[in-house]
PDB file of all heavy atoms in Angstrom:
ATOM      1  N   VAL A   1     102.931 113.245 111.414  1.00  0.00           N
ATOM      2  CA  VAL A   1     102.282 112.145 110.689  1.00  0.00           C
ATOM      3  C   VAL A   1     100.801 112.441 110.531  1.00  0.00           C
ATOM      4  O   VAL A   1     100.228 112.243 109.458  1.00  0.00           O
ATOM      5  CB  VAL A   1     102.513 110.811 111.426  1.00  0.00           C
ATOM      6  CG1 VAL A   1     101.625 109.713 110.839  1.00  0.00           C
ATOM      7  CG2 VAL A   1     103.980 110.397 111.336  1.00  0.00           C
ATOM      8  N   ARG A   2     100.155 112.915 111.570  1.00  0.00           N
ATOM      9  CA  ARG A   2      98.745 113.261 111.509  1.00  0.00           C
ATOM     10  C   ARG A   2      98.612 114.654 110.895  1.00  0.00           C
ATOM     11  O   ARG A   2      98.801 115.659 111.560  1.00  0.00           O
ATOM     12  CB  ARG A   2      98.110 113.231 112.893  1.00  0.00           C
ATOM     13  CG  ARG A   2      98.121 111.852 113.534  1.00  0.00           C
ATOM     14  CD  ARG A   2      97.550 111.883 114.930  1.00  0.00           C
ATOM     15  NE  ARG A   2      97.686 110.597 115.588  1.00  0.00           N
ATOM     16  CZ  ARG A   2      97.346 110.357 116.850  1.00  0.00           C
ATOM     17  NH1 ARG A   2      96.850 111.333 117.585  1.00  0.00           N
ATOM     18  NH2 ARG A   2      97.501 109.165 117.371  1.00  0.00           N
ATOM     19  N   GLY A   3      98.330 114.688 109.620  1.00  0.00           N
ATOM     20  CA  GLY A   3      98.167 115.957 108.914  1.00  0.00           C
ATOM     21  C   GLY A   3      99.248 116.259 107.908  1.00  0.00           C
ATOM     22  O   GLY A   3      99.023 117.026 106.977  1.00  0.00           O
ATOM     23  N   GLY A   4     100.424 115.675 108.069  1.00  0.00           N
ATOM     24  CA  GLY A   4     101.504 115.910 107.120  1.00  0.00           C
ATOM     25  C   GLY A   4     101.376 115.033 105.888  1.00  0.00           C
ATOM     26  O   GLY A   4     100.698 114.007 105.907  1.00  0.00           O
ATOM     27  N   THR A   5     102.037 115.440 104.804  1.00  0.00           N
ATOM     28  CA  THR A   5     102.030 114.650 103.570  1.00  0.00           C
ATOM     29  C   THR A   5     103.446 114.590 103.023  1.00  0.00           C
ATOM     30  O   THR A   5     104.026 115.615 102.646  1.00  0.00           O
ATOM     31  CB  THR A   5     101.100 115.268 102.508  1.00  0.00           C
ATOM     32  OG1 THR A   5      99.777 115.342 103.035  1.00  0.00           O
ATOM     33  CG2 THR A   5     101.091 114.412 101.240  1.00  0.00           C
ATOM     34  N   ALA A   6     104.019 113.383 102.983  1.00  0.00           N
ATOM     35  CA  ALA A   6     105.351 113.179 102.435  1.00  0.00           C
ATOM     36  C   ALA A   6     105.270 112.934 100.939  1.00  0.00           C
ATOM     37  O   ALA A   6     104.257 112.456 100.428  1.00  0.00           O
ATOM     38  CB  ALA A   6     106.017 111.993 103.120  1.00  0.00           C
ATOM     39  N   VAL A   7     106.322 113.285 100.220  1.00  0.00           N
ATOM     40  CA  VAL A   7     106.428 112.974  98.797  1.00  0.00           C
ATOM     41  C   VAL A   7     107.314 111.738  98.687  1.00  0.00           C
ATOM     42  O   VAL A   7     108.492 111.767  99.038  1.00  0.00           O
ATOM     43  CB  VAL A   7     107.022 114.146  98.006  1.00  0.00           C
ATOM     44  CG1 VAL A   7     107.174 113.778  96.539  1.00  0.00           C
ATOM     45  CG2 VAL A   7     106.154 115.387  98.165  1.00  0.00           C
ATOM     46  N   VAL A   8     106.717 110.645  98.216  1.00  0.00           N
ATOM     47  CA  VAL A   8     107.373 109.338  98.246  1.00  0.00           C
ATOM     48  C   VAL A   8     107.175 108.635  96.907  1.00  0.00           C
ATOM     49  O   VAL A   8     106.089 108.688  96.324  1.00  0.00           O
ATOM     50  CB  VAL A   8     106.772 108.464  99.378  1.00  0.00           C
ATOM     51  CG1 VAL A   8     107.365 107.058  99.346  1.00  0.00           C
ATOM     52  CG2 VAL A   8     107.018 109.106 100.736  1.00  0.00           C
ATOM     53  N   SER A   9     108.206 107.962  96.426  1.00  0.00           N
ATOM     54  CA  SER A   9     108.059 107.116  95.249  1.00  0.00           C
ATOM     55  C   SER A   9     107.268 105.876  95.645  1.00  0.00           C
ATOM     56  O   SER A   9     107.710 105.078  96.464  1.00  0.00           O
ATOM     57  CB  SER A   9     109.432 106.720  94.701  1.00  0.00           C
ATOM     58  OG  SER A   9     109.288 105.836  93.617  1.00  0.00           O
ATOM     59  N   LEU A  10     106.075 105.724  95.056  1.00  0.00           N
ATOM     60  CA  LEU A  10     105.161 104.688  95.511  1.00  0.00           C
ATOM     61  C   LEU A  10     105.009 103.520  94.560  1.00  0.00           C
ATOM     62  O   LEU A  10     104.582 102.444  94.979  1.00  0.00           O
ATOM     63  CB  LEU A  10     103.763 105.296  95.742  1.00  0.00           C
ATOM     64  CG  LEU A  10     103.622 106.269  96.913  1.00  0.00           C
ATOM     65  CD1 LEU A  10     102.263 106.952  96.851  1.00  0.00           C
ATOM     66  CD2 LEU A  10     103.787 105.542  98.227  1.00  0.00           C
ATOM     67  N   ASN A  11     105.269 103.725  93.290  1.00  0.00           N
ATOM     68  CA  ASN A  11     104.839 102.686  92.357  1.00  0.00           C
ATOM     69  C   ASN A  11     105.937 102.202  91.418  1.00  0.00           C
ATOM     70  O   ASN A  11     106.956 102.858  91.213  1.00  0.00           O
ATOM     71  CB  ASN A  11     103.660 103.179  91.518  1.00  0.00           C
ATOM     72  CG  ASN A  11     104.096 104.174  90.456  1.00  0.00           C
ATOM     73  OD1 ASN A  11     104.834 105.101  90.741  1.00  0.00           O
ATOM     74  ND2 ASN A  11     103.634 103.975  89.238  1.00  0.00           N
ATOM     75  N   SER A  12     105.697 101.029  90.885  1.00  0.00           N
ATOM     76  CA  SER A  12     106.499 100.457  89.811  1.00  0.00           C
ATOM     77  C   SER A  12     105.518  99.797  88.853  1.00  0.00           C
ATOM     78  O   SER A  12     104.867  98.825  89.201  1.00  0.00           O
ATOM     79  CB  SER A  12     107.489  99.436  90.354  1.00  0.00           C
ATOM     80  OG  SER A  12     108.176  98.798  89.301  1.00  0.00           O
ATOM     81  N   GLY A  13     105.379 100.355  87.674  1.00  0.00           N
ATOM     82  CA  GLY A  13     104.369  99.851  86.764  1.00  0.00           C
ATOM     83  C   GLY A  13     102.984 100.117  87.305  1.00  0.00           C
ATOM     84  O   GLY A  13     102.645 101.238  87.654  1.00  0.00           O
ATOM     85  N   TYR A  14     102.180  99.066  87.439  1.00  0.00           N
ATOM     86  CA  TYR A  14     100.820  99.218  87.932  1.00  0.00           C
ATOM     87  C   TYR A  14     100.666  98.782  89.384  1.00  0.00           C
ATOM     88  O   TYR A  14      99.570  98.497  89.833  1.00  0.00           O
ATOM     89  CB  TYR A  14      99.847  98.430  87.052  1.00  0.00           C
ATOM     90  CG  TYR A  14      99.612  99.088  85.721  1.00  0.00           C
ATOM     91  CD1 TYR A  14     100.078  98.508  84.555  1.00  0.00           C
ATOM     92  CD2 TYR A  14      98.936 100.297  85.648  1.00  0.00           C
ATOM     93  CE1 TYR A  14      99.867  99.114  83.330  1.00  0.00           C
ATOM     94  CE2 TYR A  14      98.735 100.909  84.426  1.00  0.00           C
ATOM     95  CZ  TYR A  14      99.196 100.314  83.270  1.00  0.00           C
ATOM     96  OH  TYR A  14      98.991 100.922  82.067  1.00  0.00           O
ATOM     97  N   THR A  15     101.748  98.689  90.124  1.00  0.00           N
ATOM     98  CA  THR A  15     101.655  98.311  91.527  1.00  0.00           C
ATOM     99  C   THR A  15     102.080  99.471  92.410  1.00  0.00           C
ATOM    100  O   THR A  15     102.805 100.372  91.997  1.00  0.00           O
ATOM    101  CB  THR A  15     102.536  97.088  91.838  1.00  0.00           C
ATOM    102  OG1 THR A  15     103.910  97.452  91.672  1.00  0.00           O
ATOM    103  CG2 THR A  15     102.195  95.924  90.935  1.00  0.00           C
ATOM    104  N   VAL A  16     101.607  99.434  93.646  1.00  0.00           N
ATOM    105  CA  VAL A  16     101.939 100.452  94.633  1.00  0.00           C
ATOM    106  C   VAL A  16     102.499  99.758  95.864  1.00  0.00           C
ATOM    107  O   VAL A  16     101.949  98.753  96.313  1.00  0.00           O
ATOM    108  CB  VAL A  16     100.694 101.273  95.020  1.00  0.00           C
ATOM    109  CG1 VAL A  16     100.984 102.191  96.199  1.00  0.00           C
ATOM    110  CG2 VAL A  16     100.215 102.083  93.828  1.00  0.00           C
ATOM    111  N   SER A  17     103.579 100.272  96.401  1.00  0.00           N
ATOM    112  CA  SER A  17     104.171  99.709  97.606  1.00  0.00           C
ATOM    113  C   SER A  17     103.738 100.512  98.827  1.00  0.00           C
ATOM    114  O   SER A  17     104.247 101.618  99.063  1.00  0.00           O
ATOM    115  CB  SER A  17     105.697  99.711  97.512  1.00  0.00           C
ATOM    116  OG  SER A  17     106.254  99.341  98.768  1.00  0.00           O
ATOM    117  N   PRO A  18     102.812  99.997  99.640  1.00  0.00           N
ATOM    118  CA  PRO A  18     102.429 100.709 100.854  1.00  0.00           C
ATOM    119  C   PRO A  18     103.590 100.893 101.822  1.00  0.00           C
ATOM    120  O   PRO A  18     103.630 101.866 102.578  1.00  0.00           O
ATOM    121  CB  PRO A  18     101.333  99.818 101.453  1.00  0.00           C
ATOM    122  CG  PRO A  18     100.812  99.022 100.314  1.00  0.00           C
ATOM    123  CD  PRO A  18     102.000  98.784  99.438  1.00  0.00           C
ATOM    124  N   MET A  19     104.553  99.955 101.811  1.00  0.00           N
ATOM    125  CA  MET A  19     105.662 100.069 102.760  1.00  0.00           C
ATOM    126  C   MET A  19     106.539 101.272 102.454  1.00  0.00           C
ATOM    127  O   MET A  19     107.171 101.819 103.357  1.00  0.00           O
ATOM    128  CB  MET A  19     106.488  98.782 102.755  1.00  0.00           C
ATOM    129  CG  MET A  19     105.799  97.611 103.445  1.00  0.00           C
ATOM    130  SD  MET A  19     105.215  97.987 105.125  1.00  0.00           S
ATOM    131  CE  MET A  19     106.752  98.334 105.967  1.00  0.00           C
ATOM    132  N   ASN A  20     106.602 101.701 101.192  1.00  0.00           N
ATOM    133  CA  ASN A  20     107.352 102.926 100.901  1.00  0.00           C
ATOM    134  C   ASN A  20     106.749 104.107 101.648  1.00  0.00           C
ATOM    135  O   ASN A  20     107.466 105.016 102.070  1.00  0.00           O
ATOM    136  CB  ASN A  20     107.337 103.200  99.397  1.00  0.00           C
ATOM    137  CG  ASN A  20     108.254 102.280  98.627  1.00  0.00           C
ATOM    138  OD1 ASN A  20     108.976 101.482  99.221  1.00  0.00           O
ATOM    139  ND2 ASN A  20     108.215 102.360  97.312  1.00  0.00           N
ATOM    140  N   CYS A  21     105.433 104.104 101.789  1.00  0.00           N
ATOM    141  CA  CYS A  21     104.776 105.174 102.533  1.00  0.00           C
ATOM    142  C   CYS A  21     104.968 104.998 104.037  1.00  0.00           C
ATOM    143  O   CYS A  21     105.261 105.963 104.746  1.00  0.00           O
ATOM    144  CB  CYS A  21     103.285 105.209 102.177  1.00  0.00           C
ATOM    145  SG  CYS A  21     102.388 106.611 102.893  1.00  0.00           S
ATOM    146  N   MET A  22     104.814 103.787 104.531  1.00  0.00           N
ATOM    147  CA  MET A  22     105.012 103.544 105.963  1.00  0.00           C
ATOM    148  C   MET A  22     106.419 103.948 106.388  1.00  0.00           C
ATOM    149  O   MET A  22     106.640 104.456 107.492  1.00  0.00           O
ATOM    150  CB  MET A  22     104.770 102.072 106.282  1.00  0.00           C
ATOM    151  CG  MET A  22     103.311 101.673 106.289  1.00  0.00           C
ATOM    152  SD  MET A  22     102.376 102.407 107.663  1.00  0.00           S
ATOM    153  CE  MET A  22     102.722 101.242 108.969  1.00  0.00           C
ATOM    154  N   ASN A  23     107.395 103.747 105.503  1.00  0.00           N
ATOM    155  CA  ASN A  23     108.775 104.075 105.834  1.00  0.00           C
ATOM    156  C   ASN A  23     109.067 105.572 105.815  1.00  0.00           C
ATOM    157  O   ASN A  23     110.183 105.989 106.131  1.00  0.00           O
ATOM    158  CB  ASN A  23     109.722 103.357 104.878  1.00  0.00           C
ATOM    159  CG  ASN A  23     109.751 101.855 105.115  1.00  0.00           C
ATOM    160  OD1 ASN A  23     109.446 101.386 106.213  1.00  0.00           O
ATOM    161  ND2 ASN A  23     110.092 101.087 104.086  1.00  0.00           N
ATOM    162  N   ALA A  24     108.074 106.377 105.448  1.00  0.00           N
ATOM    163  CA  ALA A  24     108.244 107.828 105.554  1.00  0.00           C
ATOM    164  C   ALA A  24     108.179 108.284 107.006  1.00  0.00           C
ATOM    165  O   ALA A  24     108.550 109.417 107.323  1.00  0.00           O
ATOM    166  CB  ALA A  24     107.176 108.549 104.737  1.00  0.00           C
ATOM    167  N   ARG A  25     107.718 107.421 107.898  1.00  0.00           N
ATOM    168  CA  ARG A  25     107.689 107.754 109.318  1.00  0.00           C
ATOM    169  C   ARG A  25     109.113 107.740 109.866  1.00  0.00           C
ATOM    170  O   ARG A  25     109.881 106.811 109.600  1.00  0.00           O
ATOM    171  CB  ARG A  25     106.814 106.752 110.068  1.00  0.00           C
ATOM    172  CG  ARG A  25     106.447 107.158 111.490  1.00  0.00           C
ATOM    173  CD  ARG A  25     105.810 106.013 112.224  1.00  0.00           C
ATOM    174  NE  ARG A  25     104.553 105.586 111.659  1.00  0.00           N
ATOM    175  CZ  ARG A  25     103.358 105.996 112.072  1.00  0.00           C
ATOM    176  NH1 ARG A  25     103.277 106.885 113.050  1.00  0.00           N
ATOM    177  NH2 ARG A  25     102.259 105.527 111.520  1.00  0.00           N
TER     178      ARG A  25
END
């Protein structure tokens, strides 16, 4: 998690879902 970068679908239209990123853990 510290230093890694996941490829995650983050957005729908003009919004971004932070939880999609949190769920990469």
